Structures are given as structure tokens and as C-alpha cells.
Amino acid sequence: MKQGFFRDKWQSFRAWQEQPITYQRPGKTKHVCKNCGHRFQGNYCPVCSQPVGQGRITWITMWQGFGQLWGIESRSAIYTLWQLLWRPGYLVRDFISGKRQVSYPPVKLLFIVAAVVALIQYFFPAPEREISNSGYYYLDFAINWLDNHENINALLTGCLFILPTWILFRKAPRYPNHTIPEGFFIQVYLALLSFIFSSIFVESHAISVVLTAGYTYATYKQLFGYSYWGTFWRLMICSALSIVIIILLIITGILLSGM
């Protein structure tokens, strides 16, 4: 009985991962638009696009206005983060394949999270970081600047994976022929996770790295649909190529500093 219970729960969870939102079809009820007075069926006025249910200002209206500013609305920032933790690859697939209403815009979400983290760190300062002082001006400047802008650092690091991912995963069984722009948004979501983990585990960098690596693997596995081994070795090659790019950038920084 317990095995059947847990199996049913697991199957229900997997079904939610694949399709977390079901939409209610509009009925045949006629509405009168509060904005333009047009009579219509559906959820939005076809003339001015105002949604159904608009009326006088209430406390709920005030909360909705606040939510539209900070992302706590229909495409909730909080709900998007929740999905990113439990179905990262499927969430990315939904967004880049055209299902934009199921999640909050990822670039905007990255900077909103960065603003929240900055506010928290203002009141609860994190331990001071070591300043790079290798003697190479441009290299030290870049390292120290990125160290103080972790969200940008995570995004730029992720961008190193865009081209290798496009080369190694473009024939994926579940999502073939993804484009370079789509690859950018894949890395934005992963940068968001990396930034969150590094902000939470400030004093335990190893945990942050392990979680980021694990979620990167899960995201690629869910999104592209390769086998466990097929996903692993492709990611290892992507990592190796990104390390080569980083080394080349470091050498460039040293050469520029020596001029």
C-alpha cells in the first residue's frame, strides 16, 4: 500500500513537472468592458484588451498594483522561483518554446533577486571578501568588480556555456535545434540559481558549487532529453571548453596589464 501511495505521488509530481498550469477556457457569459463599454465573451476585451473583473479600487487592487511592480502577480516571481527549484529544465523549455505566460521574465527576475539580496546584505552584511592583488591591473580590476557584482558574474560565466551548449546539444531528442538566443535565456535561468545559492551559502562556497552543478545537470537533462550519461559527458565537454575560454581571458588580462 505504501509503495502504491508513493508511486502515485511521484507520478503526480512528474505530471506537474511536465505541465504545472491548466488554463480554464472562457465561458459564453457576456461581459461589459468597464473601460470602453464593449460587450464581449472571454477573459479580455477585444477592443481595448482590459481584463474581465476590473471595478472599483479595493485593498486587493492595491496589492495587485504593488505586485505588478515587483513581480508578485499572475506571472509571480515567487512562483517562478518555486518552479525553477522543482522543474528547472521544463520551466526553461516552456519559456524558450513560447509559453511566456507561465513564468516571470528571467532577466528582470535576476535583477529583482539581486536588489532583494543587496537590501538584505545592507542590514546583514556578509563577511568581507579578499581583494585580488596579483599586480596585473586589468585582471585585478575585472576579478574584484565581478566579485562585487555576483549576479553579473553568474550571468557572464553562464554565457561561456552558450556556444558549447549549442554545438553539443543542438541535436537533442527532446528540444532539437535550439538557437543561440535561446541558449542565452537558458544560461540566465542557471545564473539565477547560481546567484541564489552563492547568496545563501556565503560561508560555504563548496555547497553553492555542488548545488549549481547539480541543478545545471538536472536542467540540461530535463530540457534536452539525453540519457544520464549522454547529458553528463556533454556537460563535461562544455565545462572544459568554458575553462579554456576563461584561461584565454586571464592571459589576455595579463598581457594588457603588461603593456
Protein backbone atom coordinates (compact mmCIF):
# COMPACT_ATOMS: atom_id res chain seq x y z
CA MET A 1 0.00 0.00 0.00
CA LYS A 2 2.83 2.41 0.87
CA GLN A 3 4.63 1.61 -2.37
CA GLY A 4 1.47 2.36 -4.34
CA PHE A 5 0.96 5.62 -2.40
CA PHE A 6 4.49 6.87 -3.05
CA ARG A 7 4.35 5.75 -6.67
CA ASP A 8 1.13 7.71 -7.20
CA LYS A 9 2.64 10.78 -5.53
CA TRP A 10 5.75 10.50 -7.71
CA GLN A 11 3.70 10.15 -10.87
CA SER A 12 1.58 13.13 -9.84
CA PHE A 13 4.75 15.17 -9.23
CA ARG A 14 6.18 14.18 -12.62
CA ALA A 15 2.92 15.17 -14.31
CA TRP A 16 3.10 18.56 -12.56
CA GLN A 17 6.70 18.99 -13.75
CA GLU A 18 5.65 18.45 -17.35
CA GLN A 19 2.52 20.64 -17.16
CA PRO A 20 2.22 22.77 -14.00
CA ILE A 21 -0.61 25.02 -15.15
CA THR A 22 -4.00 24.21 -16.67
CA TYR A 23 -5.98 27.03 -18.16
CA GLN A 24 -9.71 27.47 -17.74
CA ARG A 25 -11.42 28.13 -21.05
CA PRO A 26 -13.65 31.22 -21.16
CA GLY A 27 -17.37 30.54 -20.97
CA LYS A 28 -20.17 32.04 -23.00
CA THR A 29 -21.04 34.67 -20.41
CA LYS A 30 -21.32 38.17 -21.83
CA HIS A 31 -19.30 40.93 -20.17
CA VAL A 32 -19.36 44.70 -20.49
CA CYS A 33 -15.91 46.28 -20.53
CA LYS A 34 -15.52 48.84 -17.75
CA ASN A 35 -13.07 50.79 -19.90
CA CYS A 36 -14.68 51.11 -23.33
CA GLY A 37 -18.19 49.70 -22.81
CA HIS A 38 -17.85 46.95 -25.43
CA ARG A 39 -19.87 43.74 -24.87
CA PHE A 40 -17.80 40.59 -25.31
CA GLN A 41 -17.19 36.95 -24.35
CA GLY A 42 -13.91 35.76 -22.91
CA ASN A 43 -11.33 36.97 -20.44
CA TYR A 44 -10.18 40.15 -22.23
CA CYS A 45 -11.94 42.89 -24.13
CA PRO A 46 -11.09 42.54 -27.86
CA VAL A 47 -11.27 46.32 -28.32
CA CYS A 48 -9.04 47.70 -25.54
CA SER A 49 -7.58 44.48 -24.02
CA GLN A 50 -8.71 45.25 -20.47
CA PRO A 51 -9.25 42.02 -18.48
CA VAL A 52 -12.56 40.92 -17.03
CA GLY A 53 -13.26 41.77 -13.39
CA GLN A 54 -12.00 45.35 -13.30
CA GLY A 55 -14.00 47.58 -11.00
CA ARG A 56 -13.67 49.97 -8.09
CA ILE A 57 -10.42 50.27 -6.17
CA THR A 58 -10.16 47.89 -3.20
CA TRP A 59 -7.42 46.63 -0.90
CA ILE A 60 -6.95 43.74 -3.32
CA THR A 61 -6.46 46.23 -6.15
CA MET A 62 -3.75 47.99 -4.16
CA TRP A 63 -1.98 44.68 -3.55
CA GLN A 64 -2.21 43.80 -7.25
CA GLY A 65 -0.68 47.16 -8.16
CA PHE A 66 2.21 46.51 -5.79
CA GLY A 67 2.56 43.03 -7.22
CA GLN A 68 2.78 44.30 -10.78
CA LEU A 69 5.76 46.41 -9.75
CA TRP A 70 7.67 43.61 -8.00
CA GLY A 71 6.51 40.59 -9.90
CA ILE A 72 4.04 39.20 -7.37
CA GLU A 73 1.18 38.90 -9.84
CA SER A 74 -0.20 36.40 -12.36
CA ARG A 75 3.29 35.54 -13.53
CA SER A 76 4.54 35.54 -9.97
CA ALA A 77 8.26 35.96 -9.37
CA ILE A 78 7.94 33.82 -6.25
CA TYR A 79 6.07 31.08 -8.12
CA THR A 80 8.65 31.19 -10.92
CA LEU A 81 11.45 30.68 -8.38
CA TRP A 82 9.46 27.78 -6.93
CA GLN A 83 9.18 26.21 -10.37
CA LEU A 84 12.86 26.82 -11.02
CA LEU A 85 13.74 24.79 -7.93
CA TRP A 86 11.45 21.83 -8.74
CA ARG A 87 11.26 21.72 -12.56
CA PRO A 88 14.18 23.81 -13.89
CA GLY A 89 14.57 22.21 -17.31
CA TYR A 90 10.85 22.11 -18.00
CA LEU A 91 10.47 25.75 -16.96
CA VAL A 92 13.27 26.76 -19.34
CA ARG A 93 11.68 24.68 -22.12
CA ASP A 94 8.32 26.37 -21.56
CA PHE A 95 9.82 29.85 -21.75
CA ILE A 96 12.05 29.43 -24.80
CA SER A 97 9.41 27.45 -26.71
CA GLY A 98 6.85 30.26 -26.43
CA LYS A 99 4.95 29.67 -23.17
CA ARG A 100 5.86 33.08 -21.77
CA GLN A 101 2.82 33.49 -19.52
CA VAL A 102 3.81 30.65 -17.19
CA SER A 103 6.84 32.43 -15.73
CA TYR A 104 8.21 35.82 -14.81
CA PRO A 105 10.71 37.32 -17.33
CA PRO A 106 14.07 35.76 -16.35
CA VAL A 107 16.39 38.74 -16.91
CA LYS A 108 14.09 41.03 -14.92
CA LEU A 109 13.81 38.37 -12.22
CA LEU A 110 17.61 38.09 -11.96
CA PHE A 111 17.93 41.81 -11.20
CA ILE A 112 14.95 41.82 -8.82
CA VAL A 113 16.56 39.00 -6.83
CA ALA A 114 19.85 40.92 -6.90
CA ALA A 115 18.08 44.00 -5.49
CA VAL A 116 16.49 41.93 -2.70
CA VAL A 117 19.83 40.32 -1.86
CA ALA A 118 21.55 43.74 -1.82
CA LEU A 119 18.86 45.03 0.58
CA ILE A 120 19.31 42.04 2.89
CA GLN A 121 23.10 42.40 2.83
CA TYR A 122 22.75 46.09 3.69
CA PHE A 123 21.13 45.20 7.02
CA PHE A 124 23.04 41.93 7.49
CA PRO A 125 26.47 42.50 5.93
CA ALA A 126 28.28 39.46 4.56
CA PRO A 127 31.92 38.80 5.53
CA GLU A 128 34.36 40.95 3.59
CA ARG A 129 35.90 39.26 0.59
CA GLU A 130 39.58 39.10 -0.17
CA ILE A 131 40.71 41.63 -2.75
CA SER A 132 42.65 40.31 -5.70
CA ASN A 133 46.06 41.96 -5.87
CA SER A 134 48.16 39.98 -8.33
CA GLY A 135 49.88 43.06 -9.71
CA TYR A 136 48.11 42.90 -13.06
CA TYR A 137 45.82 45.94 -13.09
CA TYR A 138 43.21 44.92 -15.66
CA LEU A 139 43.00 41.37 -14.34
CA ASP A 140 42.62 42.52 -10.72
CA PHE A 141 40.04 45.13 -11.70
CA ALA A 142 37.92 42.57 -13.55
CA ILE A 143 38.13 39.98 -10.74
CA ASN A 144 37.27 42.47 -7.99
CA TRP A 145 34.43 44.05 -9.99
CA LEU A 146 32.86 40.68 -10.77
CA ASP A 147 33.31 39.60 -7.15
CA ASN A 148 31.23 42.61 -6.07
CA HIS A 149 28.55 42.01 -8.73
CA GLU A 150 27.70 38.36 -8.29
CA ASN A 151 24.58 38.41 -10.46
CA ILE A 152 26.55 39.78 -13.42
CA ASN A 153 29.37 37.36 -12.62
CA ALA A 154 26.98 34.39 -12.69
CA LEU A 155 25.45 35.56 -15.98
CA LEU A 156 28.80 36.15 -17.71
CA THR A 157 30.07 32.79 -16.50
CA GLY A 158 26.95 31.14 -17.88
CA CYS A 159 27.43 32.91 -21.21
CA LEU A 160 30.64 30.93 -21.66
CA PHE A 161 28.41 27.84 -21.99
CA ILE A 162 26.19 29.24 -24.75
CA LEU A 163 28.29 28.26 -27.77
CA PRO A 164 29.45 24.86 -26.40
CA THR A 165 25.84 24.04 -25.48
CA TRP A 166 24.66 24.96 -28.97
CA ILE A 167 27.33 22.74 -30.54
CA LEU A 168 26.87 19.68 -28.30
CA PHE A 169 23.11 19.77 -27.63
CA ARG A 170 21.67 21.06 -30.91
CA LYS A 171 20.54 17.54 -31.94
CA ALA A 172 18.84 16.80 -28.63
CA PRO A 173 15.88 14.38 -28.77
CA ARG A 174 13.55 16.50 -26.62
CA TYR A 175 14.41 20.02 -27.77
CA PRO A 176 16.42 19.91 -31.04
CA ASN A 177 17.84 22.85 -32.97
CA HIS A 178 17.81 25.36 -30.14
CA THR A 179 19.21 28.75 -31.14
CA ILE A 180 21.97 30.94 -29.71
CA PRO A 181 19.43 33.49 -28.33
CA GLU A 182 17.55 30.62 -26.67
CA GLY A 183 20.88 29.47 -25.25
CA PHE A 184 21.28 32.88 -23.64
CA PHE A 185 17.99 32.52 -21.75
CA ILE A 186 18.95 29.00 -20.66
CA GLN A 187 22.02 30.50 -19.02
CA VAL A 188 20.01 33.36 -17.48
CA TYR A 189 17.91 30.84 -15.55
CA LEU A 190 21.02 28.93 -14.47
CA ALA A 191 22.75 32.20 -13.48
CA LEU A 192 19.72 33.00 -11.34
CA LEU A 193 20.07 29.70 -9.49
CA SER A 194 23.82 30.13 -9.11
CA PHE A 195 23.37 33.65 -7.72
CA ILE A 196 20.73 32.50 -5.24
CA PHE A 197 22.88 29.62 -3.97
CA SER A 198 26.01 31.80 -3.65
CA SER A 199 23.98 34.41 -1.75
CA ILE A 200 22.52 31.85 0.66
CA PHE A 201 25.69 29.85 1.28
CA VAL A 202 28.06 32.80 1.63
CA GLU A 203 30.38 31.00 4.02
CA SER A 204 30.20 27.61 2.29
CA HIS A 205 31.26 28.07 -1.31
CA ALA A 206 31.54 24.31 -1.82
CA ILE A 207 27.81 23.78 -1.16
CA SER A 208 26.95 26.55 -3.62
CA VAL A 209 29.14 24.98 -6.31
CA VAL A 210 27.68 21.49 -5.76
CA LEU A 211 24.09 22.76 -5.88
CA THR A 212 24.76 24.83 -9.01
CA ALA A 213 26.39 21.85 -10.73
CA GLY A 214 23.54 19.55 -9.73
CA TYR A 215 20.84 21.93 -10.95
CA THR A 216 22.74 22.56 -14.19
CA TYR A 217 22.78 18.82 -14.84
CA ALA A 218 19.07 18.47 -13.97
CA THR A 219 18.17 21.42 -16.20
CA TYR A 220 20.04 20.03 -19.21
CA LYS A 221 18.62 16.55 -18.61
CA GLN A 222 15.01 17.75 -18.42
CA LEU A 223 15.34 20.25 -21.25
CA PHE A 224 17.25 18.28 -23.86
CA GLY A 225 16.23 14.72 -23.00
CA TYR A 226 19.54 12.93 -23.44
CA SER A 227 20.32 9.91 -21.26
CA TYR A 228 22.00 10.41 -17.88
CA TRP A 229 25.39 9.53 -19.37
CA GLY A 230 24.76 11.45 -22.59
CA THR A 231 23.93 14.58 -20.60
CA PHE A 232 26.94 14.11 -18.31
CA TRP A 233 29.70 13.80 -20.90
CA ARG A 234 28.33 16.64 -22.99
CA LEU A 235 28.26 18.90 -19.93
CA MET A 236 31.82 17.90 -19.08
CA ILE A 237 32.98 18.98 -22.53
CA CYS A 238 31.05 22.24 -22.18
CA SER A 239 32.79 22.85 -18.84
CA ALA A 240 36.21 22.09 -20.33
CA LEU A 241 35.63 24.50 -23.21
CA SER A 242 34.45 27.23 -20.84
CA ILE A 243 37.59 26.75 -18.72
CA VAL A 244 39.71 27.16 -21.84
CA ILE A 245 37.90 30.42 -22.60
CA ILE A 246 38.47 31.65 -19.03
CA ILE A 247 42.19 30.84 -19.29
CA LEU A 248 42.40 32.78 -22.54
CA LEU A 249 40.65 35.74 -20.90
CA ILE A 250 43.09 35.63 -17.96
CA ILE A 251 46.07 35.54 -20.32
CA THR A 252 44.57 38.49 -22.21
CA GLY A 253 44.20 40.41 -18.93
CA ILE A 254 47.83 39.71 -18.01
CA LEU A 255 49.07 40.80 -21.44
CA LEU A 256 47.02 44.01 -21.33
CA SER A 257 48.30 44.78 -17.82
CA GLY A 258 51.87 44.35 -19.01
CA MET A 259 51.54 46.90 -21.82
